[in-house]
PDB file of N, CA and C in Angstrom:
ATOM      1  N   MET A   1       8.181 -21.798   0.090  1.00  0.00           N
ATOM      2  CA  MET A   1       8.292 -20.355  -0.079  1.00  0.00           C
ATOM      3  C   MET A   1       7.191 -19.629   0.679  1.00  0.00           C
ATOM      4  N   GLY A   2       6.060 -20.255   0.811  1.00  0.00           N
ATOM      5  CA  GLY A   2       4.983 -19.591   1.533  1.00  0.00           C
ATOM      6  C   GLY A   2       3.952 -19.026   0.580  1.00  0.00           C
ATOM      7  N   ASP A   3       2.928 -18.486   1.142  1.00  0.00           N
ATOM      8  CA  ASP A   3       1.840 -17.945   0.347  1.00  0.00           C
ATOM      9  C   ASP A   3       2.251 -16.612  -0.266  1.00  0.00           C
ATOM     10  N   ALA A   4       2.075 -16.502  -1.574  1.00  0.00           N
ATOM     11  CA  ALA A   4       2.467 -15.265  -2.262  1.00  0.00           C
ATOM     12  C   ALA A   4       1.606 -14.086  -1.824  1.00  0.00           C
ATOM     13  N   GLY A   5       0.343 -14.365  -1.476  1.00  0.00           N
ATOM     14  CA  GLY A   5      -0.537 -13.282  -1.038  1.00  0.00           C
ATOM     15  C   GLY A   5      -0.082 -12.645   0.259  1.00  0.00           C
ATOM     16  N   SER A   6       0.408 -13.472   1.187  1.00  0.00           N
ATOM     17  CA  SER A   6       0.879 -12.889   2.447  1.00  0.00           C
ATOM     18  C   SER A   6       2.166 -12.102   2.245  1.00  0.00           C
ATOM     19  N   TRP A   7       3.032 -12.570   1.337  1.00  0.00           N
ATOM     20  CA  TRP A   7       4.232 -11.789   1.028  1.00  0.00           C
ATOM     21  C   TRP A   7       3.856 -10.466   0.376  1.00  0.00           C
ATOM     22  N   LEU A   8       2.852 -10.501  -0.489  1.00  0.00           N
ATOM     23  CA  LEU A   8       2.397  -9.279  -1.151  1.00  0.00           C
ATOM     24  C   LEU A   8       1.809  -8.304  -0.136  1.00  0.00           C
ATOM     25  N   ALA A   9       1.008  -8.829   0.790  1.00  0.00           N
ATOM     26  CA  ALA A   9       0.417  -7.971   1.817  1.00  0.00           C
ATOM     27  C   ALA A   9       1.492  -7.374   2.720  1.00  0.00           C
ATOM     28  N   LEU A  10       2.485  -8.188   3.085  1.00  0.00           N
ATOM     29  CA  LEU A  10       3.569  -7.670   3.926  1.00  0.00           C
ATOM     30  C   LEU A  10       4.374  -6.598   3.205  1.00  0.00           C
ATOM     31  N   SER A  11       4.670  -6.828   1.927  1.00  0.00           N
ATOM     32  CA  SER A  11       5.446  -5.825   1.195  1.00  0.00           C
ATOM     33  C   SER A  11       4.643  -4.545   1.015  1.00  0.00           C
ATOM     34  N   LEU A  12       3.320  -4.670   0.821  1.00  0.00           N
ATOM     35  CA  LEU A  12       2.473  -3.479   0.726  1.00  0.00           C
ATOM     36  C   LEU A  12       2.473  -2.723   2.048  1.00  0.00           C
ATOM     37  N   PHE A  13       2.313  -3.446   3.151  1.00  0.00           N
ATOM     38  CA  PHE A  13       2.272  -2.805   4.464  1.00  0.00           C
ATOM     39  C   PHE A  13       3.582  -2.088   4.769  1.00  0.00           C
ATOM     40  N   PHE A  14       4.713  -2.789   4.561  1.00  0.00           N
ATOM     41  CA  PHE A  14       5.994  -2.169   4.871  1.00  0.00           C
ATOM     42  C   PHE A  14       6.343  -1.056   3.886  1.00  0.00           C
ATOM     43  N   GLY A  15       5.858  -1.143   2.653  1.00  0.00           N
ATOM     44  CA  GLY A  15       6.071  -0.057   1.699  1.00  0.00           C
ATOM     45  C   GLY A  15       5.353   1.211   2.120  1.00  0.00           C
ATOM     46  N   VAL A  16       4.095   1.061   2.555  1.00  0.00           N
ATOM     47  CA  VAL A  16       3.337   2.223   3.034  1.00  0.00           C
ATOM     48  C   VAL A  16       3.965   2.770   4.310  1.00  0.00           C
ATOM     49  N   LEU A  17       4.413   1.876   5.193  1.00  0.00           N
ATOM     50  CA  LEU A  17       5.083   2.319   6.416  1.00  0.00           C
ATOM     51  C   LEU A  17       6.353   3.096   6.092  1.00  0.00           C
ATOM     52  N   LYS A  18       7.123   2.614   5.119  1.00  0.00           N
ATOM     53  CA  LYS A  18       8.338   3.313   4.703  1.00  0.00           C
ATOM     54  C   LYS A  18       8.001   4.687   4.125  1.00  0.00           C
ATOM     55  N   ASP A  19       6.902   4.762   3.343  1.00  0.00           N
ATOM     56  CA  ASP A  19       6.481   6.056   2.800  1.00  0.00           C
ATOM     57  C   ASP A  19       6.100   7.022   3.907  1.00  0.00           C
ATOM     58  N   LEU A  20       5.381   6.524   4.920  1.00  0.00           N
ATOM     59  CA  LEU A  20       4.991   7.390   6.036  1.00  0.00           C
ATOM     60  C   LEU A  20       6.207   7.881   6.808  1.00  0.00           C
ATOM     61  N   ILE A  21       7.160   6.993   7.051  1.00  0.00           N
ATOM     62  CA  ILE A  21       8.380   7.402   7.753  1.00  0.00           C
ATOM     63  C   ILE A  21       9.145   8.419   6.918  1.00  0.00           C
ATOM     64  N   GLY A  22       9.183   8.215   5.613  1.00  0.00           N
ATOM     65  CA  GLY A  22       9.873   9.154   4.732  1.00  0.00           C
ATOM     66  C   GLY A  22       9.249  10.539   4.759  1.00  0.00           C
ATOM     67  N   LEU A  23       7.919  10.597   4.961  1.00  0.00           N
ATOM     68  CA  LEU A  23       7.258  11.899   5.022  1.00  0.00           C
ATOM     69  C   LEU A  23       7.663  12.687   6.261  1.00  0.00           C
ATOM     70  N   PHE A  24       8.014  11.990   7.334  1.00  0.00           N
ATOM     71  CA  PHE A  24       8.312  12.669   8.585  1.00  0.00           C
ATOM     72  C   PHE A  24       9.807  12.826   8.838  1.00  0.00           C
ATOM     73  N   GLN A  25      10.626  12.678   7.811  1.00  0.00           N
ATOM     74  CA  GLN A  25      12.047  12.946   7.972  1.00  0.00           C
ATOM     75  C   GLN A  25      12.274  14.455   7.992  1.00  0.00           C
ATOM     76  N   HIS A  26      13.387  14.862   8.553  1.00  0.00           N
ATOM     77  CA  HIS A  26      13.659  16.297   8.701  1.00  0.00           C
ATOM     78  C   HIS A  26      13.859  16.982   7.358  1.00  0.00           C
ATOM     79  N   GLN A  27      14.280  16.251   6.353  1.00  0.00           N
ATOM     80  CA  GLN A  27      14.513  16.864   5.053  1.00  0.00           C
ATOM     81  C   GLN A  27      13.208  17.105   4.293  1.00  0.00           C
ATOM     82  N   SER A  28      12.119  16.534   4.775  1.00  0.00           N
ATOM     83  CA  SER A  28      10.852  16.651   4.058  1.00  0.00           C
ATOM     84  C   SER A  28      10.241  18.033   4.290  1.00  0.00           C
ATOM     85  N   LEU A  29      10.027  18.749   3.232  1.00  0.00           N
ATOM     86  CA  LEU A  29       9.456  20.095   3.347  1.00  0.00           C
ATOM     87  C   LEU A  29       7.963  20.059   3.610  1.00  0.00           C
ATOM     88  N   THR A  30       7.282  18.977   3.221  1.00  0.00           N
ATOM     89  CA  THR A  30       5.834  18.896   3.409  1.00  0.00           C
ATOM     90  C   THR A  30       5.469  18.962   4.885  1.00  0.00           C
ATOM     91  N   VAL A  31       6.113  18.141   5.697  1.00  0.00           N
ATOM     92  CA  VAL A  31       5.769  18.099   7.113  1.00  0.00           C
ATOM     93  C   VAL A  31       6.272  19.335   7.844  1.00  0.00           C
ATOM     94  N   VAL A  32       7.404  19.886   7.423  1.00  0.00           N
ATOM     95  CA  VAL A  32       7.890  21.129   8.027  1.00  0.00           C
ATOM     96  C   VAL A  32       6.885  22.246   7.773  1.00  0.00           C
ATOM     97  N   TRP A  33       6.348  22.305   6.553  1.00  0.00           N
ATOM     98  CA  TRP A  33       5.342  23.316   6.229  1.00  0.00           C
ATOM     99  C   TRP A  33       4.073  23.067   7.023  1.00  0.00           C
ATOM    100  N   LEU A  34       3.652  21.801   7.138  1.00  0.00           N
ATOM    101  CA  LEU A  34       2.446  21.477   7.898  1.00  0.00           C
ATOM    102  C   LEU A  34       2.624  21.785   9.383  1.00  0.00           C
ATOM    103  N   TRP A  35       3.835  21.574   9.900  1.00  0.00           N
ATOM    104  CA  TRP A  35       4.077  21.823  11.320  1.00  0.00           C
ATOM    105  C   TRP A  35       3.939  23.301  11.649  1.00  0.00           C
ATOM    106  N   ARG A  36       4.312  24.153  10.718  1.00  0.00           N
ATOM    107  CA  ARG A  36       4.199  25.601  10.955  1.00  0.00           C
ATOM    108  C   ARG A  36       2.775  26.101  10.744  1.00  0.00           C
ATOM    109  N   TYR A  37       2.003  25.383   9.936  1.00  0.00           N
ATOM    110  CA  TYR A  37       0.654  25.818   9.581  1.00  0.00           C
ATOM    111  C   TYR A  37      -0.329  24.959  10.361  1.00  0.00           C
ATOM    112  N   HIS A  38      -0.925  25.511  11.406  1.00  0.00           N
ATOM    113  CA  HIS A  38      -1.702  24.712  12.351  1.00  0.00           C
ATOM    114  C   HIS A  38      -3.190  24.670  12.038  1.00  0.00           C
ATOM    115  N   ASP A  39      -3.573  24.862  10.811  1.00  0.00           N
ATOM    116  CA  ASP A  39      -4.991  24.813  10.461  1.00  0.00           C
ATOM    117  C   ASP A  39      -5.432  23.354  10.370  1.00  0.00           C
ATOM    118  N   TRP A  40      -6.550  23.006  10.994  1.00  0.00           N
ATOM    119  CA  TRP A  40      -7.014  21.616  11.027  1.00  0.00           C
ATOM    120  C   TRP A  40      -7.436  21.137   9.651  1.00  0.00           C
ATOM    121  N   ARG A  41      -7.869  22.066   8.772  1.00  0.00           N
ATOM    122  CA  ARG A  41      -8.299  21.642   7.431  1.00  0.00           C
ATOM    123  C   ARG A  41      -7.125  21.149   6.606  1.00  0.00           C
ATOM    124  N   VAL A  42      -5.977  21.799   6.755  1.00  0.00           N
ATOM    125  CA  VAL A  42      -4.793  21.367   6.015  1.00  0.00           C
ATOM    126  C   VAL A  42      -4.319  20.014   6.534  1.00  0.00           C
ATOM    127  N   TRP A  43      -4.335  19.839   7.863  1.00  0.00           N
ATOM    128  CA  TRP A  43      -3.959  18.541   8.427  1.00  0.00           C
ATOM    129  C   TRP A  43      -4.935  17.459   7.986  1.00  0.00           C
ATOM    130  N   GLY A  44      -6.215  17.784   7.938  1.00  0.00           N
ATOM    131  CA  GLY A  44      -7.213  16.818   7.471  1.00  0.00           C
ATOM    132  C   GLY A  44      -6.986  16.423   6.027  1.00  0.00           C
ATOM    133  N   LEU A  45      -6.642  17.407   5.199  1.00  0.00           N
ATOM    134  CA  LEU A  45      -6.342  17.112   3.797  1.00  0.00           C
ATOM    135  C   LEU A  45      -5.104  16.231   3.685  1.00  0.00           C
ATOM    136  N   PHE A  46      -4.088  16.535   4.478  1.00  0.00           N
ATOM    137  CA  PHE A  46      -2.848  15.762   4.449  1.00  0.00           C
ATOM    138  C   PHE A  46      -3.101  14.302   4.823  1.00  0.00           C
ATOM    139  N   PHE A  47      -3.802  14.082   5.937  1.00  0.00           N
ATOM    140  CA  PHE A  47      -4.070  12.704   6.349  1.00  0.00           C
ATOM    141  C   PHE A  47      -5.079  12.033   5.424  1.00  0.00           C
ATOM    142  N   GLY A  48      -5.988  12.809   4.858  1.00  0.00           N
ATOM    143  CA  GLY A  48      -6.913  12.249   3.874  1.00  0.00           C
ATOM    144  C   GLY A  48      -6.196  11.736   2.641  1.00  0.00           C
ATOM    145  N   ILE A  49      -5.187  12.476   2.193  1.00  0.00           N
ATOM    146  CA  ILE A  49      -4.394  12.034   1.042  1.00  0.00           C
ATOM    147  C   ILE A  49      -3.624  10.764   1.391  1.00  0.00           C
ATOM    148  N   LEU A  50      -3.063  10.699   2.598  1.00  0.00           N
ATOM    149  CA  LEU A  50      -2.348   9.488   3.019  1.00  0.00           C
ATOM    150  C   LEU A  50      -3.273   8.278   3.062  1.00  0.00           C
ATOM    151  N   VAL A  51      -4.468   8.460   3.597  1.00  0.00           N
ATOM    152  CA  VAL A  51      -5.425   7.350   3.668  1.00  0.00           C
ATOM    153  C   VAL A  51      -5.870   6.944   2.270  1.00  0.00           C
ATOM    154  N   ALA A  52      -6.123   7.924   1.406  1.00  0.00           N
ATOM    155  CA  ALA A  52      -6.525   7.603   0.034  1.00  0.00           C
ATOM    156  C   ALA A  52      -5.419   6.851  -0.695  1.00  0.00           C
ATOM    157  N   TYR A  53      -4.180   7.241  -0.476  1.00  0.00           N
ATOM    158  CA  TYR A  53      -3.036   6.560  -1.087  1.00  0.00           C
ATOM    159  C   TYR A  53      -2.994   5.101  -0.653  1.00  0.00           C
ATOM    160  N   TRP A  54      -3.172   4.861   0.639  1.00  0.00           N
ATOM    161  CA  TRP A  54      -3.144   3.497   1.151  1.00  0.00           C
ATOM    162  C   TRP A  54      -4.330   2.687   0.630  1.00  0.00           C
ATOM    163  N   VAL A  55      -5.508   3.298   0.581  1.00  0.00           N
ATOM    164  CA  VAL A  55      -6.707   2.596   0.101  1.00  0.00           C
ATOM    165  C   VAL A  55      -6.574   2.240  -1.372  1.00  0.00           C
ATOM    166  N   ILE A  56      -6.021   3.145  -2.173  1.00  0.00           N
ATOM    167  CA  ILE A  56      -5.853   2.866  -3.603  1.00  0.00           C
ATOM    168  C   ILE A  56      -4.935   1.667  -3.804  1.00  0.00           C
ATOM    169  N   TRP A  57      -3.799   1.635  -3.108  1.00  0.00           N
ATOM    170  CA  TRP A  57      -2.885   0.495  -3.251  1.00  0.00           C
ATOM    171  C   TRP A  57      -3.522  -0.788  -2.755  1.00  0.00           C
ATOM    172  N   THR A  58      -4.295  -0.717  -1.667  1.00  0.00           N
ATOM    173  CA  THR A  58      -4.979  -1.906  -1.161  1.00  0.00           C
ATOM    174  C   THR A  58      -5.988  -2.419  -2.179  1.00  0.00           C
ATOM    175  N   LEU A  59      -6.755  -1.519  -2.786  1.00  0.00           N
ATOM    176  CA  LEU A  59      -7.731  -1.937  -3.793  1.00  0.00           C
ATOM    177  C   LEU A  59      -7.061  -2.523  -5.028  1.00  0.00           C
ATOM    178  N   ILE A  60      -5.930  -1.958  -5.420  1.00  0.00           N
ATOM    179  CA  ILE A  60      -5.213  -2.497  -6.582  1.00  0.00           C
ATOM    180  C   ILE A  60      -4.786  -3.933  -6.313  1.00  0.00           C
ATOM    181  N   PHE A  61      -4.161  -4.179  -5.154  1.00  0.00           N
ATOM    182  CA  PHE A  61      -3.696  -5.532  -4.869  1.00  0.00           C
ATOM    183  C   PHE A  61      -4.846  -6.483  -4.585  1.00  0.00           C
ATOM    184  N   TRP A  62      -5.931  -5.983  -3.997  1.00  0.00           N
ATOM    185  CA  TRP A  62      -7.109  -6.819  -3.794  1.00  0.00           C
ATOM    186  C   TRP A  62      -7.714  -7.196  -5.141  1.00  0.00           C
ATOM    187  N   GLY A  63      -7.764  -6.245  -6.062  1.00  0.00           N
ATOM    188  CA  GLY A  63      -8.276  -6.533  -7.401  1.00  0.00           C
ATOM    189  C   GLY A  63      -7.402  -7.517  -8.148  1.00  0.00           C
ATOM    190  N   LEU A  64      -6.091  -7.395  -7.996  1.00  0.00           N
ATOM    191  CA  LEU A  64      -5.194  -8.355  -8.643  1.00  0.00           C
ATOM    192  C   LEU A  64      -5.385  -9.755  -8.071  1.00  0.00           C
ATOM    193  N   ARG A  65      -5.594  -9.850  -6.774  1.00  0.00           N
ATOM    194  CA  ARG A  65      -5.835 -11.158  -6.166  1.00  0.00           C
ATOM    195  C   ARG A  65      -7.160 -11.735  -6.656  1.00  0.00           C
ATOM    196  N   ALA A  66      -8.202 -10.899  -6.743  1.00  0.00           N
ATOM    197  CA  ALA A  66      -9.492 -11.374  -7.245  1.00  0.00           C
ATOM    198  C   ALA A  66      -9.380 -11.803  -8.707  1.00  0.00           C
ATOM    199  N   LEU A  67      -8.611 -11.063  -9.489  1.00  0.00           N
ATOM    200  CA  LEU A  67      -8.411 -11.425 -10.891  1.00  0.00           C
ATOM    201  C   LEU A  67      -7.682 -12.757 -11.002  1.00  0.00           C
ATOM    202  N   LYS A  68      -6.707 -12.974 -10.148  1.00  0.00           N
ATOM    203  CA  LYS A  68      -5.985 -14.251 -10.146  1.00  0.00           C
ATOM    204  C   LYS A  68      -6.931 -15.396  -9.792  1.00  0.00           C
ATOM    205  N   ASP A  69      -7.826 -15.171  -8.833  1.00  0.00           N
ATOM    206  CA  ASP A  69      -8.784 -16.213  -8.456  1.00  0.00           C
ATOM    207  C   ASP A  69      -9.757 -16.512  -9.586  1.00  0.00           C
ATOM    208  N   VAL A  70     -10.179 -15.483 -10.319  1.00  0.00           N
ATOM    209  CA  VAL A  70     -11.111 -15.686 -11.427  1.00  0.00           C
ATOM    210  C   VAL A  70     -10.436 -16.428 -12.569  1.00  0.00           C
ATOM    211  N   MET A  71      -9.206 -16.047 -12.874  1.00  0.00           N
ATOM    212  CA  MET A  71      -8.508 -16.662 -13.998  1.00  0.00           C
ATOM    213  C   MET A  71      -8.056 -18.083 -13.680  1.00  0.00           C
ATOM    214  N   GLY A  72      -7.809 -18.372 -12.435  1.00  0.00           N
ATOM    215  CA  GLY A  72      -7.338 -19.702 -12.063  1.00  0.00           C
ATOM    216  C   GLY A  72      -5.879 -19.889 -12.418  1.00  0.00           C
ATOM    217  N   ARG A  73      -5.406 -21.078 -12.146  1.00  0.00           N
ATOM    218  CA  ARG A  73      -4.006 -21.374 -12.441  1.00  0.00           C
ATOM    219  C   ARG A  73      -3.901 -21.957 -13.832  1.00  0.00           C
ATOM    220  N   ASN A  74      -2.815 -21.680 -14.504  1.00  0.00           N
ATOM    221  CA  ASN A  74      -2.593 -22.184 -15.851  1.00  0.00           C
ATOM    222  C   ASN A  74      -1.536 -23.279 -15.881  1.00  0.00           C
ATOM    223  N   ASP A  75      -1.307 -23.918 -14.748  1.00  0.00           N
ATOM    224  CA  ASP A  75      -0.311 -24.981 -14.706  1.00  0.00           C
ATOM    225  C   ASP A  75      -0.843 -26.216 -15.425  1.00  0.00           C
ATOM    226  N   PRO A  76       0.009 -26.930 -16.114  1.00  0.00           N
ATOM    227  CA  PRO A  76      -0.449 -28.175 -16.747  1.00  0.00           C
ATOM    228  C   PRO A  76      -0.762 -29.221 -15.680  1.00  0.00           C
ATOM    229  N   PRO A  77      -1.666 -30.130 -15.980  1.00  0.00           N
ATOM    230  CA  PRO A  77      -2.000 -31.155 -14.978  1.00  0.00           C
ATOM    231  C   PRO A  77      -0.812 -32.075 -14.719  1.00  0.00           C
ATOM    232  N   VAL A  78      -0.704 -32.501 -13.486  1.00  0.00           N
ATOM    233  CA  VAL A  78       0.380 -33.400 -13.098  1.00  0.00           C
ATOM    234  C   VAL A  78      -0.079 -34.835 -13.333  1.00  0.00           C
ATOM    235  N   THR A  79       0.703 -35.566 -14.089  1.00  0.00           N
ATOM    236  CA  THR A  79       0.371 -36.977 -14.338  1.00  0.00           C
ATOM    237  C   THR A  79       1.376 -37.853 -13.620  1.00  0.00           C
ATOM    238  N   LYS A  80       0.868 -38.883 -12.986  1.00  0.00           N
ATOM    239  CA  LYS A  80       1.739 -39.819 -12.272  1.00  0.00           C
ATOM    240  C   LYS A  80       1.918 -41.064 -13.124  1.00  0.00           C
ATOM    241  N   ASN A  81       3.124 -41.562 -13.152  1.00  0.00           N
ATOM    242  CA  ASN A  81       3.399 -42.781 -13.934  1.00  0.00           C
ATOM    243  C   ASN A  81       2.972 -44.013 -13.170  1.00  0.00           C
TER     244      ASN A  81
END
């Protein structure tokens, strides 16, 4: 199956990418409003929120991975006959 951590990282990356693409669709009022309003502070706030969103999700999954490493595996020992 592969490493669960790499699958988790890939799903996180593609999820954030999907969110970013969703923000720039024509039906999205946020980007239409931002496109008309050319103030750099508003654009900075917008991209700051996007970066904070990505950082929060990265920290959550990094913390879950660290917690898994601390707790260890709970599998029973394998005995050979």
